[in-house]
């Protein structure tokens, strides 16, 4: 794996998931609400996971 991918793969993936969540929140109700909640919760879950992993 190239250094660029190793450094930027996770931030780009988190940004894409967040963007999908934001767009889903703007476009509709029902299933889009669930997609938006999941998409916007992923960065928070990643932050908590990284903080807990770093403490150990």
PDB file of N, CA and C in Angstrom:
ATOM      1  N   UNK A   1       0.848  -1.177   0.000  1.00  0.00           N
ATOM      2  CA  UNK A   1       0.000   0.000   0.000  1.00  0.00           C
ATOM      3  C   UNK A   1       0.893   1.240   0.000  1.00  0.00           C
ATOM      4  N   UNK A   2       0.524   2.192  -0.819  1.00  0.00           N
ATOM      5  CA  UNK A   2       1.328   3.408  -0.935  1.00  0.00           C
ATOM      6  C   UNK A   2       1.163   4.272   0.319  1.00  0.00           C
ATOM      7  N   UNK A   3       2.144   5.108   0.611  1.00  0.00           N
ATOM      8  CA  UNK A   3       2.032   5.990   1.777  1.00  0.00           C
ATOM      9  C   UNK A   3       0.810   6.909   1.714  1.00  0.00           C
ATOM     10  N   UNK A   4       0.473   7.375   0.498  1.00  0.00           N
ATOM     11  CA  UNK A   4      -0.699   8.234   0.354  1.00  0.00           C
ATOM     12  C   UNK A   4      -1.959   7.508   0.804  1.00  0.00           C
ATOM     13  N   UNK A   5      -2.150   6.292   0.341  1.00  0.00           N
ATOM     14  CA  UNK A   5      -3.334   5.514   0.735  1.00  0.00           C
ATOM     15  C   UNK A   5      -3.327   5.201   2.221  1.00  0.00           C
ATOM     16  N   UNK A   6      -2.169   4.874   2.751  1.00  0.00           N
ATOM     17  CA  UNK A   6      -2.094   4.517   4.165  1.00  0.00           C
ATOM     18  C   UNK A   6      -2.492   5.696   5.056  1.00  0.00           C
ATOM     19  N   UNK A   7      -2.121   6.898   4.648  1.00  0.00           N
ATOM     20  CA  UNK A   7      -2.410   8.079   5.453  1.00  0.00           C
ATOM     21  C   UNK A   7      -3.832   8.591   5.227  1.00  0.00           C
ATOM     22  N   UNK A   8      -4.291   8.602   3.976  1.00  0.00           N
ATOM     23  CA  UNK A   8      -5.529   9.297   3.633  1.00  0.00           C
ATOM     24  C   UNK A   8      -6.742   8.400   3.423  1.00  0.00           C
ATOM     25  N   UNK A   9      -6.602   7.098   3.433  1.00  0.00           N
ATOM     26  CA  UNK A   9      -7.741   6.204   3.163  1.00  0.00           C
ATOM     27  C   UNK A   9      -8.849   6.374   4.202  1.00  0.00           C
ATOM     28  N   UNK A  10      -8.515   6.336   5.464  1.00  0.00           N
ATOM     29  CA  UNK A  10      -9.531   6.448   6.516  1.00  0.00           C
ATOM     30  C   UNK A  10     -10.194   7.827   6.540  1.00  0.00           C
ATOM     31  N   UNK A  11      -9.454   8.935   6.486  1.00  0.00           N
ATOM     32  CA  UNK A  11     -10.125  10.237   6.472  1.00  0.00           C
ATOM     33  C   UNK A  11     -11.034  10.440   5.262  1.00  0.00           C
ATOM     34  N   UNK A  12     -10.621   9.953   4.104  1.00  0.00           N
ATOM     35  CA  UNK A  12     -11.474  10.085   2.916  1.00  0.00           C
ATOM     36  C   UNK A  12     -12.725   9.241   3.062  1.00  0.00           C
ATOM     37  N   UNK A  13     -12.600   8.026   3.594  1.00  0.00           N
ATOM     38  CA  UNK A  13     -13.768   7.169   3.800  1.00  0.00           C
ATOM     39  C   UNK A  13     -14.743   7.801   4.796  1.00  0.00           C
ATOM     40  N   UNK A  14     -14.219   8.363   5.875  1.00  0.00           N
ATOM     41  CA  UNK A  14     -15.075   9.026   6.865  1.00  0.00           C
ATOM     42  C   UNK A  14     -15.775  10.230   6.241  1.00  0.00           C
ATOM     43  N   UNK A  15     -15.064  10.990   5.423  1.00  0.00           N
ATOM     44  CA  UNK A  15     -15.666  12.148   4.762  1.00  0.00           C
ATOM     45  C   UNK A  15     -16.775  11.735   3.802  1.00  0.00           C
ATOM     46  N   UNK A  16     -16.565  10.656   3.066  1.00  0.00           N
ATOM     47  CA  UNK A  16     -17.584  10.179   2.128  1.00  0.00           C
ATOM     48  C   UNK A  16     -18.827   9.711   2.875  1.00  0.00           C
ATOM     49  N   UNK A  17     -18.642   8.957   3.953  1.00  0.00           N
ATOM     50  CA  UNK A  17     -19.790   8.487   4.736  1.00  0.00           C
ATOM     51  C   UNK A  17     -20.533   9.663   5.345  1.00  0.00           C
ATOM     52  N   UNK A  18     -19.820  10.657   5.828  1.00  0.00           N
ATOM     53  CA  UNK A  18     -20.456  11.855   6.385  1.00  0.00           C
ATOM     54  C   UNK A  18     -21.233  12.616   5.320  1.00  0.00           C
ATOM     55  N   UNK A  19     -20.651  12.738   4.146  1.00  0.00           N
ATOM     56  CA  UNK A  19     -21.322  13.431   3.048  1.00  0.00           C
ATOM     57  C   UNK A  19     -22.603  12.702   2.643  1.00  0.00           C
ATOM     58  N   UNK A  20     -22.552  11.386   2.578  1.00  0.00           N
ATOM     59  CA  UNK A  20     -23.759  10.600   2.274  1.00  0.00           C
ATOM     60  C   UNK A  20     -24.819  10.839   3.336  1.00  0.00           C
ATOM     61  N   UNK A  21     -24.408  10.879   4.603  1.00  0.00           N
ATOM     62  CA  UNK A  21     -25.352  11.145   5.684  1.00  0.00           C
ATOM     63  C   UNK A  21     -25.975  12.528   5.589  1.00  0.00           C
ATOM     64  N   UNK A  22     -25.174  13.529   5.267  1.00  0.00           N
ATOM     65  CA  UNK A  22     -25.702  14.885   5.138  1.00  0.00           C
ATOM     66  C   UNK A  22     -26.668  15.012   3.962  1.00  0.00           C
ATOM     67  N   UNK A  23     -26.320  14.421   2.840  1.00  0.00           N
ATOM     68  CA  UNK A  23     -27.192  14.484   1.665  1.00  0.00           C
ATOM     69  C   UNK A  23     -28.494  13.737   1.928  1.00  0.00           C
ATOM     70  N   UNK A  24     -28.408  12.580   2.567  1.00  0.00           N
ATOM     71  CA  UNK A  24     -29.614  11.814   2.892  1.00  0.00           C
ATOM     72  C   UNK A  24     -30.520  12.603   3.829  1.00  0.00           C
ATOM     73  N   UNK A  25     -29.938  13.351   4.756  1.00  0.00           N
ATOM     74  CA  UNK A  25     -30.740  14.146   5.683  1.00  0.00           C
ATOM     75  C   UNK A  25     -31.489  15.262   4.951  1.00  0.00           C
ATOM     76  N   UNK A  26     -30.904  15.774   3.902  1.00  0.00           N
ATOM     77  CA  UNK A  26     -31.538  16.855   3.161  1.00  0.00           C
ATOM     78  C   UNK A  26     -32.594  16.377   2.167  1.00  0.00           C
ATOM     79  N   UNK A  27     -32.472  15.138   1.712  1.00  0.00           N
ATOM     80  CA  UNK A  27     -33.314  14.688   0.605  1.00  0.00           C
ATOM     81  C   UNK A  27     -34.668  14.110   0.993  1.00  0.00           C
ATOM     82  N   UNK A  28     -34.827  13.605   2.189  1.00  0.00           N
ATOM     83  CA  UNK A  28     -36.134  13.022   2.460  1.00  0.00           C
ATOM     84  C   UNK A  28     -36.297  12.492   3.857  1.00  0.00           C
ATOM     85  N   UNK A  29     -37.395  11.750   4.029  1.00  0.00           N
ATOM     86  CA  UNK A  29     -37.746  11.173   5.320  1.00  0.00           C
ATOM     87  C   UNK A  29     -37.746   9.651   5.214  1.00  0.00           C
ATOM     88  N   UNK A  30     -38.056   9.020   6.343  1.00  0.00           N
ATOM     89  CA  UNK A  30     -38.144   7.565   6.351  1.00  0.00           C
ATOM     90  C   UNK A  30     -36.778   6.923   6.338  1.00  0.00           C
ATOM     91  N   UNK A  31     -36.488   6.174   5.278  1.00  0.00           N
ATOM     92  CA  UNK A  31     -35.207   5.480   5.165  1.00  0.00           C
ATOM     93  C   UNK A  31     -34.047   6.465   5.129  1.00  0.00           C
ATOM     94  N   UNK A  32     -34.246   7.603   4.507  1.00  0.00           N
ATOM     95  CA  UNK A  32     -33.180   8.616   4.470  1.00  0.00           C
ATOM     96  C   UNK A  32     -32.807   9.108   5.862  1.00  0.00           C
ATOM     97  N   UNK A  33     -33.781   9.163   6.772  1.00  0.00           N
ATOM     98  CA  UNK A  33     -33.463   9.539   8.151  1.00  0.00           C
ATOM     99  C   UNK A  33     -32.506   8.540   8.780  1.00  0.00           C
ATOM    100  N   UNK A  34     -32.760   7.270   8.558  1.00  0.00           N
ATOM    101  CA  UNK A  34     -31.887   6.228   9.117  1.00  0.00           C
ATOM    102  C   UNK A  34     -30.495   6.296   8.497  1.00  0.00           C
ATOM    103  N   UNK A  35     -30.437   6.497   7.191  1.00  0.00           N
ATOM    104  CA  UNK A  35     -29.143   6.605   6.512  1.00  0.00           C
ATOM    105  C   UNK A  35     -28.373   7.807   7.048  1.00  0.00           C
ATOM    106  N   UNK A  36     -29.069   8.906   7.262  1.00  0.00           N
ATOM    107  CA  UNK A  36     -28.387  10.097   7.766  1.00  0.00           C
ATOM    108  C   UNK A  36     -27.884   9.896   9.188  1.00  0.00           C
ATOM    109  N   UNK A  37     -28.682   9.282  10.043  1.00  0.00           N
ATOM    110  CA  UNK A  37     -28.230   9.019  11.418  1.00  0.00           C
ATOM    111  C   UNK A  37     -26.995   8.131  11.437  1.00  0.00           C
ATOM    112  N   UNK A  38     -27.024   7.096  10.624  1.00  0.00           N
ATOM    113  CA  UNK A  38     -25.868   6.188  10.571  1.00  0.00           C
ATOM    114  C   UNK A  38     -24.659   6.904   9.990  1.00  0.00           C
ATOM    115  N   UNK A  39     -24.866   7.615   8.894  1.00  0.00           N
ATOM    116  CA  UNK A  39     -23.755   8.317   8.246  1.00  0.00           C
ATOM    117  C   UNK A  39     -23.122   9.371   9.123  1.00  0.00           C
ATOM    118  N   UNK A  40     -23.931  10.047   9.931  1.00  0.00           N
ATOM    119  CA  UNK A  40     -23.387  11.087  10.795  1.00  0.00           C
ATOM    120  C   UNK A  40     -22.870  10.530  12.128  1.00  0.00           C
ATOM    121  N   UNK A  41     -23.240   9.310  12.471  1.00  0.00           N
ATOM    122  CA  UNK A  41     -22.739   8.697  13.696  1.00  0.00           C
ATOM    123  C   UNK A  41     -21.381   8.021  13.484  1.00  0.00           C
ATOM    124  N   UNK A  42     -21.083   7.646  12.257  1.00  0.00           N
ATOM    125  CA  UNK A  42     -19.824   6.946  11.979  1.00  0.00           C
ATOM    126  C   UNK A  42     -18.598   7.743  12.438  1.00  0.00           C
ATOM    127  N   UNK A  43     -18.480   9.028  12.135  1.00  0.00           N
ATOM    128  CA  UNK A  43     -17.301   9.760  12.622  1.00  0.00           C
ATOM    129  C   UNK A  43     -17.195   9.769  14.145  1.00  0.00           C
ATOM    130  N   UNK A  44     -18.318   9.865  14.821  1.00  0.00           N
ATOM    131  CA  UNK A  44     -18.280   9.843  16.287  1.00  0.00           C
ATOM    132  C   UNK A  44     -17.810   8.489  16.810  1.00  0.00           C
ATOM    133  N   UNK A  45     -18.287   7.431  16.202  1.00  0.00           N
ATOM    134  CA  UNK A  45     -17.871   6.085  16.604  1.00  0.00           C
ATOM    135  C   UNK A  45     -16.381   5.893  16.358  1.00  0.00           C
ATOM    136  N   UNK A  46     -15.888   6.381  15.233  1.00  0.00           N
ATOM    137  CA  UNK A  46     -14.465   6.264  14.918  1.00  0.00           C
ATOM    138  C   UNK A  46     -13.626   7.052  15.916  1.00  0.00           C
ATOM    139  N   UNK A  47     -14.075   8.232  16.290  1.00  0.00           N
ATOM    140  CA  UNK A  47     -13.342   9.048  17.269  1.00  0.00           C
ATOM    141  C   UNK A  47     -13.267   8.341  18.613  1.00  0.00           C
ATOM    142  N   UNK A  48     -14.400   7.819  19.089  1.00  0.00           N
ATOM    143  CA  UNK A  48     -14.417   7.108  20.370  1.00  0.00           C
ATOM    144  C   UNK A  48     -13.533   5.882  20.305  1.00  0.00           C
ATOM    145  N   UNK A  49     -13.620   5.126  19.212  1.00  0.00           N
ATOM    146  CA  UNK A  49     -12.794   3.918  19.058  1.00  0.00           C
ATOM    147  C   UNK A  49     -11.309   4.282  19.084  1.00  0.00           C
ATOM    148  N   UNK A  50     -10.920   5.341  18.371  1.00  0.00           N
ATOM    149  CA  UNK A  50      -9.513   5.733  18.323  1.00  0.00           C
ATOM    150  C   UNK A  50      -9.020   6.202  19.686  1.00  0.00           C
ATOM    151  N   UNK A  51      -9.860   6.943  20.400  1.00  0.00           N
ATOM    152  CA  UNK A  51      -9.463   7.411  21.738  1.00  0.00           C
ATOM    153  C   UNK A  51      -9.285   6.245  22.708  1.00  0.00           C
ATOM    154  N   UNK A  52     -10.198   5.282  22.662  1.00  0.00           N
ATOM    155  CA  UNK A  52     -10.090   4.128  23.546  1.00  0.00           C
ATOM    156  C   UNK A  52      -8.879   3.266  23.181  1.00  0.00           C
ATOM    157  N   UNK A  53      -8.618   3.116  21.907  1.00  0.00           N
ATOM    158  CA  UNK A  53      -7.457   2.321  21.467  1.00  0.00           C
ATOM    159  C   UNK A  53      -6.155   2.990  21.871  1.00  0.00           C
ATOM    160  N   UNK A  54      -6.117   4.307  21.812  1.00  0.00           N
ATOM    161  CA  UNK A  54      -4.889   5.037  22.136  1.00  0.00           C
ATOM    162  C   UNK A  54      -4.558   4.971  23.627  1.00  0.00           C
ATOM    163  N   UNK A  55      -5.558   4.879  24.481  1.00  0.00           N
ATOM    164  CA  UNK A  55      -5.325   4.823  25.933  1.00  0.00           C
ATOM    165  C   UNK A  55      -4.709   3.506  26.366  1.00  0.00           C
ATOM    166  N   UNK A  56      -4.956   2.464  25.618  1.00  0.00           N
ATOM    167  CA  UNK A  56      -4.453   1.133  26.017  1.00  0.00           C
ATOM    168  C   UNK A  56      -3.028   0.942  25.674  1.00  0.00           C
TER     169      UNK A  56
END
